Amino acid sequence: MSDKHEVTLSASAERDLAKLAELTRSEVRGFLDGKLRDDPRKAGTPIPGEQVGMFEATTGTWRVLYRVDANTRTVRVMVIGPRGSRTRIVPTANRSGTAAGWRRI
């Protein structure tokens, strides 16, 4: 069994990645398949506040917001965007009150 984490992208992160210039997209893909997959807790810094378990990684002109699940060894990438953007993500709830996903505000 591999010590690497499985990295998945949310639908919005897939759209974000598709919008990037080819060179930047390659750089981000290299980060996702390398450093993030190897050790996600060291690849970024924890985001303080309400988003417990959320991390942010910045390099060059882009940043990645992601959540790490240690039990399943998965990393869920939520947002990929320009480093200077002020995107904030918050949890959304379904009708039963449980977490249903994330939305940008």
C-alpha atoms as a PDB file:
ATOM      1  CA  MET A   1       0.000   0.000   0.000  1.00  0.00           C
ATOM      2  CA  SER A   2       1.283   3.443  -0.907  1.00  0.00           C
ATOM      3  CA  ASP A   3       1.955   6.157   1.658  1.00  0.00           C
ATOM      4  CA  LYS A   4       0.677   8.783  -0.768  1.00  0.00           C
ATOM      5  CA  HIS A   5      -2.689  10.503  -0.426  1.00  0.00           C
ATOM      6  CA  GLU A   6      -5.392  10.386  -3.077  1.00  0.00           C
ATOM      7  CA  VAL A   7      -6.055  13.872  -4.459  1.00  0.00           C
ATOM      8  CA  THR A   8      -9.526  14.711  -5.795  1.00  0.00           C
ATOM      9  CA  LEU A   9     -10.818  18.013  -7.154  1.00  0.00           C
ATOM     10  CA  SER A  10     -14.234  19.505  -6.523  1.00  0.00           C
ATOM     11  CA  ALA A  11     -16.229  20.518  -9.594  1.00  0.00           C
ATOM     12  CA  SER A  12     -15.374  24.171  -8.993  1.00  0.00           C
ATOM     13  CA  ALA A  13     -11.661  23.358  -8.639  1.00  0.00           C
ATOM     14  CA  GLU A  14     -11.822  21.469 -11.970  1.00  0.00           C
ATOM     15  CA  ARG A  15     -13.313  24.601 -13.591  1.00  0.00           C
ATOM     16  CA  ASP A  16     -10.678  26.786 -11.909  1.00  0.00           C
ATOM     17  CA  LEU A  17      -7.894  24.559 -13.237  1.00  0.00           C
ATOM     18  CA  ALA A  18      -9.330  24.610 -16.765  1.00  0.00           C
ATOM     19  CA  LYS A  19      -9.306  28.437 -16.759  1.00  0.00           C
ATOM     20  CA  LEU A  20      -5.579  28.675 -16.005  1.00  0.00           C
ATOM     21  CA  ALA A  21      -2.976  29.327 -18.676  1.00  0.00           C
ATOM     22  CA  GLU A  22      -1.272  26.134 -19.884  1.00  0.00           C
ATOM     23  CA  LEU A  23       2.049  26.833 -18.162  1.00  0.00           C
ATOM     24  CA  THR A  24       0.359  27.670 -14.855  1.00  0.00           C
ATOM     25  CA  ARG A  25      -1.923  24.632 -15.179  1.00  0.00           C
ATOM     26  CA  SER A  26       1.145  22.407 -15.602  1.00  0.00           C
ATOM     27  CA  GLU A  27       2.737  23.955 -12.516  1.00  0.00           C
ATOM     28  CA  VAL A  28      -0.422  23.403 -10.452  1.00  0.00           C
ATOM     29  CA  ARG A  29      -0.781  19.814 -11.722  1.00  0.00           C
ATOM     30  CA  GLY A  30       2.841  19.185 -10.722  1.00  0.00           C
ATOM     31  CA  PHE A  31       2.072  20.438  -7.222  1.00  0.00           C
ATOM     32  CA  LEU A  32      -1.122  18.341  -6.962  1.00  0.00           C
ATOM     33  CA  ASP A  33       0.599  15.162  -8.153  1.00  0.00           C
ATOM     34  CA  GLY A  34       3.811  15.747  -6.205  1.00  0.00           C
ATOM     35  CA  LYS A  35       4.098  17.702  -3.004  1.00  0.00           C
ATOM     36  CA  LEU A  36       0.377  17.662  -2.136  1.00  0.00           C
ATOM     37  CA  ARG A  37       0.014  13.926  -2.719  1.00  0.00           C
ATOM     38  CA  ASP A  38       3.195  13.143  -0.737  1.00  0.00           C
ATOM     39  CA  ASP A  39       2.485  15.164   2.412  1.00  0.00           C
ATOM     40  CA  PRO A  40      -0.512  17.540   2.315  1.00  0.00           C
ATOM     41  CA  ARG A  41      -0.007  18.856   5.845  1.00  0.00           C
ATOM     42  CA  LYS A  42       3.505  20.083   4.999  1.00  0.00           C
ATOM     43  CA  ALA A  43       2.534  21.289   1.498  1.00  0.00           C
ATOM     44  CA  GLY A  44       0.429  24.144   2.890  1.00  0.00           C
ATOM     45  CA  THR A  45      -0.546  25.997   6.038  1.00  0.00           C
ATOM     46  CA  PRO A  46      -3.728  25.519   8.098  1.00  0.00           C
ATOM     47  CA  ILE A  47      -6.413  28.150   7.618  1.00  0.00           C
ATOM     48  CA  PRO A  48      -7.383  29.519  11.044  1.00  0.00           C
ATOM     49  CA  GLY A  49     -10.980  30.082  12.039  1.00  0.00           C
ATOM     50  CA  GLU A  50     -14.188  28.420  10.952  1.00  0.00           C
ATOM     51  CA  GLN A  51     -12.687  26.194   8.257  1.00  0.00           C
ATOM     52  CA  VAL A  52     -11.160  23.612  10.603  1.00  0.00           C
ATOM     53  CA  GLY A  53      -9.107  21.119   8.641  1.00  0.00           C
ATOM     54  CA  MET A  54      -8.697  23.444   5.663  1.00  0.00           C
ATOM     55  CA  PHE A  55      -5.245  24.226   4.298  1.00  0.00           C
ATOM     56  CA  GLU A  56      -3.865  26.785   1.876  1.00  0.00           C
ATOM     57  CA  ALA A  57      -0.819  26.312  -0.334  1.00  0.00           C
ATOM     58  CA  THR A  58       0.660  29.193  -2.312  1.00  0.00           C
ATOM     59  CA  THR A  59       3.400  29.184  -4.882  1.00  0.00           C
ATOM     60  CA  GLY A  60       4.249  31.748  -7.507  1.00  0.00           C
ATOM     61  CA  THR A  61       1.048  33.355  -8.726  1.00  0.00           C
ATOM     62  CA  TRP A  62      -1.517  30.738  -7.667  1.00  0.00           C
ATOM     63  CA  ARG A  63      -2.982  29.187  -4.520  1.00  0.00           C
ATOM     64  CA  VAL A  64      -4.846  26.012  -3.636  1.00  0.00           C
ATOM     65  CA  LEU A  65      -7.379  25.567  -0.824  1.00  0.00           C
ATOM     66  CA  TYR A  66      -7.886  21.972   0.259  1.00  0.00           C
ATOM     67  CA  ARG A  67      -9.139  19.681   3.024  1.00  0.00           C
ATOM     68  CA  VAL A  68      -7.248  16.640   4.329  1.00  0.00           C
ATOM     69  CA  ASP A  69      -9.001  13.497   5.587  1.00  0.00           C
ATOM     70  CA  ALA A  70      -6.417  11.505   7.557  1.00  0.00           C
ATOM     71  CA  ASN A  71      -8.709   8.480   7.994  1.00  0.00           C
ATOM     72  CA  THR A  72      -9.127   7.820   4.283  1.00  0.00           C
ATOM     73  CA  ARG A  73      -5.815   9.447   3.242  1.00  0.00           C
ATOM     74  CA  THR A  74      -7.605  11.703   0.777  1.00  0.00           C
ATOM     75  CA  VAL A  75      -7.127  15.354  -0.104  1.00  0.00           C
ATOM     76  CA  ARG A  76     -10.096  17.268  -1.507  1.00  0.00           C
ATOM     77  CA  VAL A  77      -9.053  20.367  -3.456  1.00  0.00           C
ATOM     78  CA  MET A  78     -11.773  22.997  -3.132  1.00  0.00           C
ATOM     79  CA  VAL A  79     -10.408  26.119  -4.854  1.00  0.00           C
ATOM     80  CA  ILE A  80      -7.567  26.870  -7.273  1.00  0.00           C
ATOM     81  CA  GLY A  81      -7.040  30.527  -8.035  1.00  0.00           C
ATOM     82  CA  PRO A  82      -4.779  33.512  -8.377  1.00  0.00           C
ATOM     83  CA  ARG A  83      -2.755  34.207  -5.278  1.00  0.00           C
ATOM     84  CA  GLY A  84      -4.139  37.731  -4.868  1.00  0.00           C
ATOM     85  CA  SER A  85      -7.821  36.750  -5.065  1.00  0.00           C
ATOM     86  CA  ARG A  86      -9.968  37.071  -1.991  1.00  0.00           C
ATOM     87  CA  THR A  87     -12.065  33.934  -2.421  1.00  0.00           C
ATOM     88  CA  ARG A  88     -13.621  32.720   0.804  1.00  0.00           C
ATOM     89  CA  ILE A  89     -15.260  29.329   1.050  1.00  0.00           C
ATOM     90  CA  VAL A  90     -17.873  28.360   3.606  1.00  0.00           C
ATOM     91  CA  PRO A  91     -19.617  25.068   4.357  1.00  0.00           C
ATOM     92  CA  THR A  92     -23.149  24.561   3.043  1.00  0.00           C
ATOM     93  CA  ALA A  93     -25.743  22.338   4.670  1.00  0.00           C
ATOM     94  CA  ASN A  94     -28.428  20.146   3.160  1.00  0.00           C
ATOM     95  CA  ARG A  95     -31.999  19.869   4.489  1.00  0.00           C
ATOM     96  CA  SER A  96     -31.009  17.547   7.321  1.00  0.00           C
ATOM     97  CA  GLY A  97     -28.423  20.035   8.553  1.00  0.00           C
ATOM     98  CA  THR A  98     -25.372  17.961   7.653  1.00  0.00           C
ATOM     99  CA  ALA A  99     -22.534  19.317   5.557  1.00  0.00           C
ATOM    100  CA  ALA A 100     -23.347  19.120   1.863  1.00  0.00           C
ATOM    101  CA  GLY A 101     -20.324  20.822   0.376  1.00  0.00           C
ATOM    102  CA  TRP A 102     -18.700  24.216   0.016  1.00  0.00           C
ATOM    103  CA  ARG A 103     -19.620  27.446  -1.675  1.00  0.00           C
ATOM    104  CA  ARG A 104     -17.710  30.591  -2.487  1.00  0.00           C
ATOM    105  CA  ILE A 105     -18.692  33.973  -1.155  1.00  0.00           C
END
